[in-house]
C-alpha cells in the first residue's frame, strides 16, 4: 500500500476513534441529564449527528481501503454509502470550521484573558483536527477514482496477457 493511503488510514483512525468516544460519552451524559427543552435538544442532536457522522465515515473509509484497495470495484451500496458519507462529512466539516472560527474569536479576542491557555489550546487542536478532516475528505474523493482506475488497468493487463498466449 502506498504511503499516501497509509496516511489516509491513520488519519481515519485519528479522527474516528476520538469522535466515537466523544459521541458515546456525550450521549451517556445527555441521557443521564435529559430535559424537555425543545430547541436546545434539537441543537444537541445536530451536534450528536456530527459526532456520529465522523466515525461512521472514518470506519467506512477504513473498510473500503482494506477490502477493495487497490483494484476491486466497489459494490453499488458501498459506493452510495461512501458518497452520502462524503457529502454529510463535508457539511460537518463546514460546521466544524464555523465553530473553530467562533471559538478563535472568543479565545483570541479583545476580551480574552491572557492566562486562558486552555481555550487557546482547544482552538488550535480543533483547527488541526479540521485540517486532518479536510485531508481525509480530499483523499476519500480520490479513493474511489483510484480503485476504479486500478481495476480498469488490471483488467486491460489481464486481457492483454490472455491475448499474448
Protein backbone atom coordinates (compact mmCIF):
# COMPACT_ATOMS: atom_id res chain seq x y z
CA UNK A 1 0.00 0.00 0.00
CA UNK A 2 1.46 3.40 -0.96
CA UNK A 3 2.37 5.87 1.79
CA UNK A 4 -0.50 8.19 0.81
CA UNK A 5 -3.09 5.54 1.64
CA UNK A 6 -1.31 4.57 4.86
CA UNK A 7 -1.57 8.20 5.93
CA UNK A 8 -5.25 8.13 4.91
CA UNK A 9 -5.78 5.05 7.06
CA UNK A 10 -4.02 6.64 10.03
CA UNK A 11 -5.95 9.90 9.73
CA UNK A 12 -9.22 7.99 9.63
CA UNK A 13 -8.32 6.22 12.87
CA UNK A 14 -7.11 9.51 14.37
CA UNK A 15 -10.45 11.18 13.65
CA UNK A 16 -12.90 8.29 14.04
CA UNK A 17 -11.90 6.89 17.43
CA UNK A 18 -11.94 10.13 19.45
CA UNK A 19 -15.17 11.24 17.73
CA UNK A 20 -16.80 7.92 18.58
CA UNK A 21 -15.63 8.11 22.20
CA UNK A 22 -16.88 11.71 22.49
CA UNK A 23 -20.20 10.71 20.94
CA UNK A 24 -20.68 7.86 23.40
CA UNK A 25 -19.67 9.92 26.44
CA UNK A 26 -21.85 12.88 25.45
CA UNK A 27 -24.78 10.60 24.67
CA UNK A 28 -24.49 8.96 28.10
CA UNK A 29 -24.26 12.38 29.75
CA UNK A 30 -27.24 13.64 27.74
CA UNK A 31 -29.36 10.61 28.62
CA UNK A 32 -28.48 10.98 32.30
CA UNK A 33 -29.49 14.64 32.38
CA UNK A 34 -32.32 14.60 29.82
CA UNK A 35 -34.63 17.60 29.99
CA UNK A 36 -37.55 18.68 27.88
CA UNK A 37 -36.01 21.73 26.26
CA UNK A 38 -37.23 21.51 22.60
CA UNK A 39 -34.90 23.85 20.67
CA UNK A 40 -31.89 23.13 22.89
CA UNK A 41 -32.39 19.41 22.30
CA UNK A 42 -32.52 19.99 18.55
CA UNK A 43 -29.14 21.73 18.67
CA UNK A 44 -27.73 18.90 20.77
CA UNK A 45 -28.99 16.31 18.27
CA UNK A 46 -27.34 18.19 15.40
CA UNK A 47 -24.09 18.17 17.40
CA UNK A 48 -24.54 14.43 18.10
CA UNK A 49 -25.18 13.81 14.41
CA UNK A 50 -21.89 15.50 13.54
CA UNK A 51 -20.02 13.46 16.12
CA UNK A 52 -21.62 10.28 14.79
CA UNK A 53 -21.06 11.10 11.11
CA UNK A 54 -17.29 11.37 11.58
CA UNK A 55 -16.65 7.86 12.95
CA UNK A 56 -19.10 6.31 10.50
CA UNK A 57 -17.22 7.99 7.66
CA UNK A 58 -13.85 7.00 9.11
CA UNK A 59 -14.74 3.36 9.62
CA UNK A 60 -16.36 3.21 6.16
CA UNK A 61 -13.15 4.60 4.65
CA UNK A 62 -11.09 2.05 6.55
CA UNK A 63 -13.39 -0.75 5.35
CA UNK A 64 -13.19 0.40 1.72
CA UNK A 65 -9.43 0.76 1.88
CA UNK A 66 -8.89 -2.65 3.50
CA UNK A 67 -11.41 -4.62 1.45
CA UNK A 68 -11.37 -3.05 -2.02
CA UNK A 69 -7.98 -1.35 -2.44
CA UNK A 70 -6.13 -1.49 -4.86
CA UNK A 71 -8.37 -2.77 -7.66
CA UNK A 72 -11.65 -4.38 -6.54
CA UNK A 73 -14.66 -2.39 -7.71
CA UNK A 74 -16.97 -1.01 -5.02
CA UNK A 75 -20.44 -2.55 -4.98
CA UNK A 76 -23.28 -0.11 -5.63
CA UNK A 77 -24.43 0.01 -2.00
CA UNK A 78 -20.96 0.70 -0.63
CA UNK A 79 -20.33 3.33 -3.31
CA UNK A 80 -23.64 5.04 -2.44
CA UNK A 81 -22.88 4.95 1.29
CA UNK A 82 -19.42 6.34 0.60
CA UNK A 83 -20.83 9.23 -1.47
CA UNK A 84 -23.53 10.05 1.09
CA UNK A 85 -20.97 9.91 3.89
CA UNK A 86 -18.66 12.20 1.93
CA UNK A 87 -21.39 14.81 1.44
CA UNK A 88 -22.52 14.65 5.07
CA UNK A 89 -18.97 14.99 6.32
CA UNK A 90 -18.36 17.98 4.07
CA UNK A 91 -21.31 19.62 5.83
CA UNK A 92 -19.96 18.56 9.23
CA UNK A 93 -16.56 19.94 8.27
CA UNK A 94 -18.08 23.30 7.33
CA UNK A 95 -19.90 23.44 10.67
CA UNK A 96 -16.67 22.48 12.43
CA UNK A 97 -14.84 25.32 10.68
CA UNK A 98 -17.53 27.80 11.76
CA UNK A 99 -17.30 26.51 15.34
CA UNK A 100 -13.50 26.78 15.28
CA UNK A 101 -13.60 30.34 13.95
CA UNK A 102 -16.17 31.29 16.57
CA UNK A 103 -14.02 29.73 19.29
CA UNK A 104 -10.96 31.55 17.97
CA UNK A 105 -12.74 34.90 18.13
CA UNK A 106 -13.56 34.21 21.77
CA UNK A 107 -10.17 32.75 22.74
CA UNK A 108 -8.04 35.32 20.92
CA UNK A 109 -10.43 38.30 21.01
CA UNK A 110 -10.17 41.59 22.88
CA UNK A 111 -11.95 40.26 25.96
CA UNK A 112 -9.93 37.07 26.38
CA UNK A 113 -7.78 36.58 29.44
CA UNK A 114 -4.04 36.36 28.94
CA UNK A 115 -3.88 33.30 31.18
CA UNK A 116 -6.63 31.40 29.28
CA UNK A 117 -4.27 28.95 27.63
CA UNK A 118 -6.81 26.08 27.73
CA UNK A 119 -9.21 27.89 25.39
CA UNK A 120 -6.41 28.80 23.00
CA UNK A 121 -5.05 25.25 23.04
CA UNK A 122 -8.54 23.89 22.36
CA UNK A 123 -8.93 26.15 19.33
CA UNK A 124 -5.53 25.09 17.99
CA UNK A 125 -6.41 21.39 18.44
CA UNK A 126 -9.79 21.91 16.74
CA UNK A 127 -8.06 23.68 13.85
CA UNK A 128 -5.50 20.88 13.43
CA UNK A 129 -8.21 18.23 13.53
CA UNK A 130 -10.22 20.21 10.98
CA UNK A 131 -7.20 20.23 8.67
CA UNK A 132 -6.91 16.45 9.11
CA UNK A 133 -10.64 16.10 8.34
CA UNK A 134 -10.28 18.12 5.14
CA UNK A 135 -7.31 15.96 4.09
CA UNK A 136 -9.40 12.83 4.70
CA UNK A 137 -12.29 14.23 2.65
CA UNK A 138 -9.99 15.10 -0.26
CA UNK A 139 -8.37 11.66 -0.19
CA UNK A 140 -11.78 9.98 0.17
CA UNK A 141 -12.86 11.69 -3.04
CA UNK A 142 -9.74 10.33 -4.74
CA UNK A 143 -10.04 6.79 -3.35
CA UNK A 144 -12.96 5.55 -5.44
CA UNK A 145 -11.42 7.01 -8.62
CA UNK A 146 -8.10 5.33 -7.81
CA UNK A 147 -9.77 1.97 -7.20
CA UNK A 148 -11.78 2.28 -10.44
CA UNK A 149 -8.66 3.23 -12.44
CA UNK A 150 -6.61 0.38 -10.90
CA UNK A 151 -9.41 -2.07 -11.71
CA UNK A 152 -9.56 -0.89 -15.32
CA UNK A 153 -5.77 -1.14 -15.65
CA UNK A 154 -5.67 -4.65 -14.16
CA UNK A 155 -8.48 -5.78 -16.49
CA UNK A 156 -6.61 -4.37 -19.50
CA UNK A 157 -3.41 -6.12 -18.46
CA UNK A 158 -5.33 -9.38 -17.92
CA UNK A 159 -6.92 -9.13 -21.37
CA UNK A 160 -3.53 -8.28 -22.91
CA UNK A 161 -1.87 -11.26 -21.19
CA UNK A 162 -4.59 -13.62 -22.47
CA UNK A 163 -4.13 -12.28 -25.99
CA UNK A 164 -0.37 -12.84 -25.86
CA UNK A 165 -0.56 -16.54 -25.01
